[in-house]
PDB file of all heavy atoms in Angstrom:
ATOM      1  N   ILE A   1     147.392 -29.554 148.788  1.00  0.00           N
ATOM      2  CA  ILE A   1     146.692 -29.538 150.064  1.00  0.00           C
ATOM      3  C   ILE A   1     147.562 -28.879 151.138  1.00  0.00           C
ATOM      4  O   ILE A   1     148.764 -29.195 151.227  1.00  0.00           O
ATOM      5  CB  ILE A   1     146.244 -30.973 150.456  1.00  0.00           C
ATOM      6  CG1 ILE A   1     145.340 -30.960 151.662  1.00  0.00           C
ATOM      7  CG2 ILE A   1     147.477 -31.857 150.713  1.00  0.00           C
ATOM      8  CD1 ILE A   1     144.673 -32.292 151.983  1.00  0.00           C
ATOM      9  N   PRO A   2     147.000 -28.006 151.964  1.00  0.00           N
ATOM     10  CA  PRO A   2     147.784 -27.464 153.100  1.00  0.00           C
ATOM     11  C   PRO A   2     148.187 -28.558 154.046  1.00  0.00           C
ATOM     12  O   PRO A   2     147.478 -29.530 154.234  1.00  0.00           O
ATOM     13  CB  PRO A   2     146.801 -26.477 153.761  1.00  0.00           C
ATOM     14  CG  PRO A   2     145.835 -26.110 152.676  1.00  0.00           C
ATOM     15  CD  PRO A   2     145.692 -27.348 151.826  1.00  0.00           C
ATOM     16  N   VAL A   3     149.360 -28.379 154.670  1.00  0.00           N
ATOM     17  CA  VAL A   3     149.910 -29.452 155.507  1.00  0.00           C
ATOM     18  C   VAL A   3     148.978 -29.750 156.678  1.00  0.00           C
ATOM     19  O   VAL A   3     148.679 -30.920 156.996  1.00  0.00           O
ATOM     20  CB  VAL A   3     151.299 -29.041 156.059  1.00  0.00           C
ATOM     21  CG1 VAL A   3     151.977 -30.266 156.706  1.00  0.00           C
ATOM     22  CG2 VAL A   3     152.162 -28.504 154.959  1.00  0.00           C
ATOM     23  N   GLU A   4     148.489 -28.725 157.355  1.00  0.00           N
ATOM     24  CA  GLU A   4     147.650 -28.942 158.522  1.00  0.00           C
ATOM     25  C   GLU A   4     146.331 -29.598 158.127  1.00  0.00           C
ATOM     26  O   GLU A   4     145.821 -30.454 158.858  1.00  0.00           O
ATOM     27  CB  GLU A   4     147.342 -27.618 159.216  1.00  0.00           C
ATOM     28  CG  GLU A   4     146.544 -27.792 160.503  1.00  0.00           C
ATOM     29  CD  GLU A   4     146.350 -26.500 161.271  1.00  0.00           C
ATOM     30  OE1 GLU A   4     146.764 -25.443 160.755  1.00  0.00           O
ATOM     31  OE2 GLU A   4     145.771 -26.558 162.384  1.00  0.00           O
ATOM     32  N   LEU A   5     145.789 -29.280 156.980  1.00  0.00           N
ATOM     33  CA  LEU A   5     144.520 -29.874 156.536  1.00  0.00           C
ATOM     34  C   LEU A   5     144.761 -31.365 156.276  1.00  0.00           C
ATOM     35  O   LEU A   5     143.877 -32.188 156.617  1.00  0.00           O
ATOM     36  CB  LEU A   5     144.032 -29.204 155.261  1.00  0.00           C
ATOM     37  CG  LEU A   5     142.718 -29.727 154.687  1.00  0.00           C
ATOM     38  CD1 LEU A   5     141.575 -29.636 155.717  1.00  0.00           C
ATOM     39  CD2 LEU A   5     142.353 -28.990 153.403  1.00  0.00           C
ATOM     40  N   LEU A   6     145.865 -31.749 155.703  1.00  0.00           N
ATOM     41  CA  LEU A   6     146.156 -33.187 155.500  1.00  0.00           C
ATOM     42  C   LEU A   6     146.286 -33.908 156.851  1.00  0.00           C
ATOM     43  O   LEU A   6     145.798 -35.009 157.010  1.00  0.00           O
ATOM     44  CB  LEU A   6     147.456 -33.328 154.689  1.00  0.00           C
ATOM     45  CG  LEU A   6     147.835 -34.774 154.315  1.00  0.00           C
ATOM     46  CD1 LEU A   6     146.709 -35.438 153.470  1.00  0.00           C
ATOM     47  CD2 LEU A   6     149.140 -34.796 153.542  1.00  0.00           C
ATOM     48  N   ALA A   7     146.940 -33.276 157.810  1.00  0.00           N
ATOM     49  CA  ALA A   7     147.043 -33.876 159.141  1.00  0.00           C
ATOM     50  C   ALA A   7     145.657 -34.016 159.769  1.00  0.00           C
ATOM     51  O   ALA A   7     145.350 -35.050 160.400  1.00  0.00           O
ATOM     52  CB  ALA A   7     147.950 -33.031 160.053  1.00  0.00           C
ATOM     53  N   GLN A   8     144.828 -33.034 159.570  1.00  0.00           N
ATOM     54  CA  GLN A   8     143.432 -33.111 160.112  1.00  0.00           C
ATOM     55  C   GLN A   8     142.674 -34.260 159.469  1.00  0.00           C
ATOM     56  O   GLN A   8     141.936 -34.998 160.168  1.00  0.00           O
ATOM     57  CB  GLN A   8     142.689 -31.810 159.819  1.00  0.00           C
ATOM     58  CG  GLN A   8     143.071 -30.667 160.732  1.00  0.00           C
ATOM     59  CD  GLN A   8     142.298 -29.397 160.390  1.00  0.00           C
ATOM     60  OE1 GLN A   8     141.607 -29.333 159.361  1.00  0.00           O
ATOM     61  NE2 GLN A   8     142.431 -28.375 161.211  1.00  0.00           N
ATOM     62  N   ARG A   9     142.809 -34.437 158.198  1.00  0.00           N
ATOM     63  CA  ARG A   9     142.087 -35.536 157.507  1.00  0.00           C
ATOM     64  C   ARG A   9     142.475 -36.905 158.102  1.00  0.00           C
ATOM     65  O   ARG A   9     141.600 -37.741 158.326  1.00  0.00           O
ATOM     66  CB  ARG A   9     142.379 -35.495 156.018  1.00  0.00           C
ATOM     67  CG  ARG A   9     141.879 -34.248 155.315  1.00  0.00           C
ATOM     68  CD  ARG A   9     140.397 -34.425 154.942  1.00  0.00           C
ATOM     69  NE  ARG A   9     139.812 -33.158 154.486  1.00  0.00           N
ATOM     70  CZ  ARG A   9     139.920 -32.653 153.256  1.00  0.00           C
ATOM     71  NH1 ARG A   9     140.626 -33.310 152.351  1.00  0.00           N
ATOM     72  NH2 ARG A   9     139.353 -31.512 152.952  1.00  0.00           N
ATOM     73  N   LEU A  10     143.756 -37.106 158.293  1.00  0.00           N
ATOM     74  CA  LEU A  10     144.170 -38.387 158.878  1.00  0.00           C
ATOM     75  C   LEU A  10     143.762 -38.538 160.308  1.00  0.00           C
ATOM     76  O   LEU A  10     143.364 -39.625 160.730  1.00  0.00           O
ATOM     77  CB  LEU A  10     145.725 -38.520 158.785  1.00  0.00           C
ATOM     78  CG  LEU A  10     146.207 -39.416 157.614  1.00  0.00           C
ATOM     79  CD1 LEU A  10     145.998 -38.684 156.282  1.00  0.00           C
ATOM     80  CD2 LEU A  10     147.680 -39.794 157.790  1.00  0.00           C
ATOM     81  N   CYS A  11     143.784 -37.438 161.054  1.00  0.00           N
ATOM     82  CA  CYS A  11     143.428 -37.510 162.454  1.00  0.00           C
ATOM     83  C   CYS A  11     141.921 -37.745 162.598  1.00  0.00           C
ATOM     84  O   CYS A  11     141.491 -38.417 163.582  1.00  0.00           O
ATOM     85  CB  CYS A  11     143.795 -36.219 163.156  1.00  0.00           C
ATOM     86  SG  CYS A  11     145.584 -36.127 163.458  1.00  0.00           S
ATOM     87  N   ASP A  12     141.099 -37.234 161.667  1.00  0.00           N
ATOM     88  CA  ASP A  12     139.651 -37.538 161.717  1.00  0.00           C
ATOM     89  C   ASP A  12     139.438 -39.045 161.578  1.00  0.00           C
ATOM     90  O   ASP A  12     138.596 -39.636 162.268  1.00  0.00           O
ATOM     91  CB  ASP A  12     138.955 -36.789 160.634  1.00  0.00           C
ATOM     92  CG  ASP A  12     138.827 -35.283 160.884  1.00  0.00           C
ATOM     93  OD1 ASP A  12     139.049 -34.904 162.058  1.00  0.00           O
ATOM     94  OD2 ASP A  12     138.573 -34.522 159.963  1.00  0.00           O
ATOM     95  N   LEU A  13     140.190 -39.660 160.684  1.00  0.00           N
ATOM     96  CA  LEU A  13     140.072 -41.106 160.477  1.00  0.00           C
ATOM     97  C   LEU A  13     140.557 -41.842 161.711  1.00  0.00           C
ATOM     98  O   LEU A  13     139.869 -42.770 162.179  1.00  0.00           O
ATOM     99  CB  LEU A  13     140.913 -41.500 159.256  1.00  0.00           C
ATOM    100  CG  LEU A  13     141.014 -43.027 158.996  1.00  0.00           C
ATOM    101  CD1 LEU A  13     139.655 -43.577 158.529  1.00  0.00           C
ATOM    102  CD2 LEU A  13     142.069 -43.329 157.960  1.00  0.00           C
ATOM    103  N   LYS A  14     141.676 -41.439 162.268  1.00  0.00           N
ATOM    104  CA  LYS A  14     142.216 -42.135 163.410  1.00  0.00           C
ATOM    105  C   LYS A  14     141.328 -41.993 164.664  1.00  0.00           C
ATOM    106  O   LYS A  14     141.160 -42.944 165.439  1.00  0.00           O
ATOM    107  CB  LYS A  14     143.644 -41.662 163.754  1.00  0.00           C
ATOM    108  CG  LYS A  14     144.661 -42.059 162.654  1.00  0.00           C
ATOM    109  CD  LYS A  14     146.084 -41.997 163.157  1.00  0.00           C
ATOM    110  CE  LYS A  14     146.591 -40.589 163.180  1.00  0.00           C
ATOM    111  NZ  LYS A  14     148.021 -40.571 163.545  1.00  0.00           N
ATOM    112  N   GLN A  15     140.711 -40.822 164.805  1.00  0.00           N
ATOM    113  CA  GLN A  15     139.849 -40.594 165.949  1.00  0.00           C
ATOM    114  C   GLN A  15     138.605 -41.507 165.840  1.00  0.00           C
ATOM    115  O   GLN A  15     138.139 -42.043 166.843  1.00  0.00           O
ATOM    116  CB  GLN A  15     139.401 -39.143 165.987  1.00  0.00           C
ATOM    117  CG  GLN A  15     138.668 -38.755 167.287  1.00  0.00           C
ATOM    118  CD  GLN A  15     137.190 -39.065 167.226  1.00  0.00           C
ATOM    119  OE1 GLN A  15     136.591 -39.116 166.132  1.00  0.00           O
ATOM    120  NE2 GLN A  15     136.590 -39.321 168.380  1.00  0.00           N
ATOM    121  N   GLY A  16     138.098 -41.728 164.628  1.00  0.00           N
ATOM    122  CA  GLY A  16     136.960 -42.607 164.473  1.00  0.00           C
ATOM    123  C   GLY A  16     137.244 -44.015 164.926  1.00  0.00           C
ATOM    124  O   GLY A  16     136.323 -44.703 165.418  1.00  0.00           O
ATOM    125  N   TYR A  17     138.475 -44.472 164.784  1.00  0.00           N
ATOM    126  CA  TYR A  17     138.842 -45.826 165.216  1.00  0.00           C
ATOM    127  C   TYR A  17     139.004 -45.952 166.721  1.00  0.00           C
ATOM    128  O   TYR A  17     139.291 -47.011 167.216  1.00  0.00           O
ATOM    129  CB  TYR A  17     140.138 -46.237 164.488  1.00  0.00           C
ATOM    130  CG  TYR A  17     139.904 -46.794 163.117  1.00  0.00           C
ATOM    131  CD1 TYR A  17     139.514 -45.989 162.076  1.00  0.00           C
ATOM    132  CD2 TYR A  17     140.080 -48.170 162.878  1.00  0.00           C
ATOM    133  CE1 TYR A  17     139.272 -46.513 160.806  1.00  0.00           C
ATOM    134  CE2 TYR A  17     139.854 -48.695 161.600  1.00  0.00           C
ATOM    135  CZ  TYR A  17     139.453 -47.836 160.600  1.00  0.00           C
ATOM    136  OH  TYR A  17     139.203 -48.362 159.348  1.00  0.00           O
ATOM    137  N   THR A  18     138.815 -44.855 167.448  1.00  0.00           N
ATOM    138  CA  THR A  18     138.840 -44.952 168.926  1.00  0.00           C
ATOM    139  C   THR A  18     137.449 -44.821 169.509  1.00  0.00           C
ATOM    140  O   THR A  18     137.293 -44.929 170.715  1.00  0.00           O
ATOM    141  CB  THR A  18     139.702 -43.811 169.525  1.00  0.00           C
ATOM    142  OG1 THR A  18     139.028 -42.523 169.332  1.00  0.00           O
ATOM    143  CG2 THR A  18     141.045 -43.724 168.863  1.00  0.00           C
ATOM    144  N   GLN A  19     136.446 -44.598 168.691  1.00  0.00           N
ATOM    145  CA  GLN A  19     135.107 -44.276 169.166  1.00  0.00           C
ATOM    146  C   GLN A  19     134.050 -45.333 168.874  1.00  0.00           C
ATOM    147  O   GLN A  19     133.068 -45.401 169.585  1.00  0.00           O
ATOM    148  CB  GLN A  19     134.671 -42.936 168.566  1.00  0.00           C
ATOM    149  CG  GLN A  19     133.442 -42.317 169.179  1.00  0.00           C
ATOM    150  CD  GLN A  19     133.171 -40.936 168.685  1.00  0.00           C
ATOM    151  OE1 GLN A  19     133.866 -40.427 167.826  1.00  0.00           O
ATOM    152  NE2 GLN A  19     132.137 -40.288 169.205  1.00  0.00           N
ATOM    153  N   TYR A  20     134.293 -46.184 167.890  1.00  0.00           N
ATOM    154  CA  TYR A  20     133.268 -47.138 167.472  1.00  0.00           C
ATOM    155  C   TYR A  20     133.681 -48.541 167.818  1.00  0.00           C
ATOM    156  O   TYR A  20     134.908 -48.922 167.712  1.00  0.00           O
ATOM    157  CB  TYR A  20     133.016 -47.015 165.972  1.00  0.00           C
ATOM    158  CG  TYR A  20     132.567 -45.632 165.545  1.00  0.00           C
ATOM    159  CD1 TYR A  20     133.394 -44.774 164.918  1.00  0.00           C
ATOM    160  CD2 TYR A  20     131.254 -45.225 165.846  1.00  0.00           C
ATOM    161  CE1 TYR A  20     132.979 -43.489 164.539  1.00  0.00           C
ATOM    162  CE2 TYR A  20     130.827 -43.951 165.494  1.00  0.00           C
ATOM    163  CZ  TYR A  20     131.675 -43.082 164.853  1.00  0.00           C
ATOM    164  OH  TYR A  20     131.277 -41.843 164.507  1.00  0.00           O
ATOM    165  N   GLY A  21     132.741 -49.350 168.212  1.00  0.00           N
ATOM    166  CA  GLY A  21     133.007 -50.730 168.613  1.00  0.00           C
ATOM    167  C   GLY A  21     133.460 -51.580 167.463  1.00  0.00           C
ATOM    168  O   GLY A  21     133.123 -51.363 166.287  1.00  0.00           O
ATOM    169  N   GLY A  22     134.239 -52.620 167.756  1.00  0.00           N
ATOM    170  CA  GLY A  22     134.724 -53.535 166.743  1.00  0.00           C
ATOM    171  C   GLY A  22     135.952 -53.071 166.001  1.00  0.00           C
ATOM    172  O   GLY A  22     136.416 -53.723 165.099  1.00  0.00           O
ATOM    173  N   LEU A  23     136.480 -51.902 166.386  1.00  0.00           N
ATOM    174  CA  LEU A  23     137.664 -51.360 165.726  1.00  0.00           C
ATOM    175  C   LEU A  23     138.794 -51.217 166.759  1.00  0.00           C
ATOM    176  O   LEU A  23     138.548 -51.149 167.973  1.00  0.00           O
ATOM    177  CB  LEU A  23     137.367 -49.976 165.128  1.00  0.00           C
ATOM    178  CG  LEU A  23     136.188 -49.853 164.147  1.00  0.00           C
ATOM    179  CD1 LEU A  23     135.973 -48.407 163.755  1.00  0.00           C
ATOM    180  CD2 LEU A  23     136.461 -50.732 162.936  1.00  0.00           C
ATOM    181  N   ARG A  24     140.007 -51.159 166.290  1.00  0.00           N
ATOM    182  CA  ARG A  24     141.138 -50.884 167.170  1.00  0.00           C
ATOM    183  C   ARG A  24     141.890 -49.660 166.666  1.00  0.00           C
ATOM    184  O   ARG A  24     141.890 -49.404 165.477  1.00  0.00           O
ATOM    185  CB  ARG A  24     142.092 -52.098 167.270  1.00  0.00           C
ATOM    186  CG  ARG A  24     142.887 -52.379 166.008  1.00  0.00           C
ATOM    187  CD  ARG A  24     144.101 -53.243 166.314  1.00  0.00           C
ATOM    188  NE  ARG A  24     144.841 -53.579 165.127  1.00  0.00           N
ATOM    189  CZ  ARG A  24     145.678 -52.793 164.482  1.00  0.00           C
ATOM    190  NH1 ARG A  24     145.900 -51.557 164.923  1.00  0.00           N
ATOM    191  NH2 ARG A  24     146.321 -53.213 163.395  1.00  0.00           N
ATOM    192  N   PRO A  25     142.569 -48.923 167.537  1.00  0.00           N
ATOM    193  CA  PRO A  25     143.290 -47.752 167.076  1.00  0.00           C
ATOM    194  C   PRO A  25     144.447 -48.145 166.130  1.00  0.00           C
ATOM    195  O   PRO A  25     144.989 -49.250 166.200  1.00  0.00           O
ATOM    196  CB  PRO A  25     143.870 -47.149 168.368  1.00  0.00           C
ATOM    197  CG  PRO A  25     143.023 -47.713 169.475  1.00  0.00           C
ATOM    198  CD  PRO A  25     142.614 -49.091 168.987  1.00  0.00           C
ATOM    199  N   PHE A  26     144.821 -47.231 165.252  1.00  0.00           N
ATOM    200  CA  PHE A  26     146.018 -47.438 164.419  1.00  0.00           C
ATOM    201  C   PHE A  26     147.265 -47.378 165.331  1.00  0.00           C
ATOM    202  O   PHE A  26     147.436 -46.414 166.073  1.00  0.00           O
ATOM    203  CB  PHE A  26     146.112 -46.393 163.359  1.00  0.00           C
ATOM    204  CG  PHE A  26     145.114 -46.537 162.250  1.00  0.00           C
ATOM    205  CD1 PHE A  26     143.908 -45.815 162.279  1.00  0.00           C
ATOM    206  CD2 PHE A  26     145.338 -47.390 161.184  1.00  0.00           C
ATOM    207  CE1 PHE A  26     142.968 -45.964 161.265  1.00  0.00           C
ATOM    208  CE2 PHE A  26     144.389 -47.513 160.148  1.00  0.00           C
ATOM    209  CZ  PHE A  26     143.193 -46.811 160.217  1.00  0.00           C
ATOM    210  N   GLY A  27     148.089 -48.383 165.231  1.00  0.00           N
ATOM    211  CA  GLY A  27     149.287 -48.437 166.057  1.00  0.00           C
ATOM    212  C   GLY A  27     150.462 -47.708 165.430  1.00  0.00           C
ATOM    213  O   GLY A  27     151.558 -48.292 165.318  1.00  0.00           O
ATOM    214  N   VAL A  28     150.248 -46.446 165.065  1.00  0.00           N
ATOM    215  CA  VAL A  28     151.326 -45.721 164.324  1.00  0.00           C
ATOM    216  C   VAL A  28     151.194 -44.251 164.600  1.00  0.00           C
ATOM    217  O   VAL A  28     150.081 -43.694 164.703  1.00  0.00           O
ATOM    218  CB  VAL A  28     151.266 -46.020 162.813  1.00  0.00           C
ATOM    219  CG1 VAL A  28     149.972 -45.563 162.232  1.00  0.00           C
ATOM    220  CG2 VAL A  28     152.436 -45.382 162.078  1.00  0.00           C
ATOM    221  N   SER A  29     152.325 -43.572 164.743  1.00  0.00           N
ATOM    222  CA  SER A  29     152.382 -42.129 164.792  1.00  0.00           C
ATOM    223  C   SER A  29     153.106 -41.612 163.555  1.00  0.00           C
ATOM    224  O   SER A  29     153.935 -42.293 162.989  1.00  0.00           O
ATOM    225  CB  SER A  29     153.167 -41.648 166.054  1.00  0.00           C
ATOM    226  OG  SER A  29     152.376 -41.671 167.215  1.00  0.00           O
ATOM    227  N   LEU A  30     152.754 -40.408 163.149  1.00  0.00           N
ATOM    228  CA  LEU A  30     153.324 -39.837 161.960  1.00  0.00           C
ATOM    229  C   LEU A  30     153.893 -38.443 162.231  1.00  0.00           C
ATOM    230  O   LEU A  30     153.348 -37.678 163.036  1.00  0.00           O
ATOM    231  CB  LEU A  30     152.289 -39.700 160.835  1.00  0.00           C
ATOM    232  CG  LEU A  30     151.739 -41.011 160.230  1.00  0.00           C
ATOM    233  CD1 LEU A  30     150.504 -41.458 160.935  1.00  0.00           C
ATOM    234  CD2 LEU A  30     151.426 -40.799 158.715  1.00  0.00           C
ATOM    235  N   LEU A  31     154.989 -38.135 161.543  1.00  0.00           N
ATOM    236  CA  LEU A  31     155.504 -36.756 161.440  1.00  0.00           C
ATOM    237  C   LEU A  31     155.225 -36.283 160.038  1.00  0.00           C
ATOM    238  O   LEU A  31     155.559 -36.962 159.060  1.00  0.00           O
ATOM    239  CB  LEU A  31     157.009 -36.708 161.751  1.00  0.00           C
ATOM    240  CG  LEU A  31     157.463 -37.025 163.169  1.00  0.00           C
ATOM    241  CD1 LEU A  31     158.967 -36.797 163.313  1.00  0.00           C
ATOM    242  CD2 LEU A  31     156.691 -36.231 164.209  1.00  0.00           C
ATOM    243  N   TYR A  32     154.645 -35.087 159.898  1.00  0.00           N
ATOM    244  CA  TYR A  32     154.346 -34.521 158.592  1.00  0.00           C
ATOM    245  C   TYR A  32     155.268 -33.313 158.412  1.00  0.00           C
ATOM    246  O   TYR A  32     155.220 -32.353 159.174  1.00  0.00           O
ATOM    247  CB  TYR A  32     152.904 -34.021 158.506  1.00  0.00           C
ATOM    248  CG  TYR A  32     151.873 -35.020 158.947  1.00  0.00           C
ATOM    249  CD1 TYR A  32     151.579 -35.169 160.322  1.00  0.00           C
ATOM    250  CD2 TYR A  32     151.132 -35.774 158.067  1.00  0.00           C
ATOM    251  CE1 TYR A  32     150.581 -36.032 160.734  1.00  0.00           C
ATOM    252  CE2 TYR A  32     150.146 -36.636 158.489  1.00  0.00           C
ATOM    253  CZ  TYR A  32     149.886 -36.793 159.841  1.00  0.00           C
ATOM    254  OH  TYR A  32     148.913 -37.659 160.266  1.00  0.00           O
TER     255      TYR A  32
END
């Protein structure tokens, strides 16, 4: 998998946790 695509996949998941009720953001940052 290309590096940027993998970062995008994780960021899509993390963004979803900021938009929907009943969820909290992931309390972690990553360097790829």
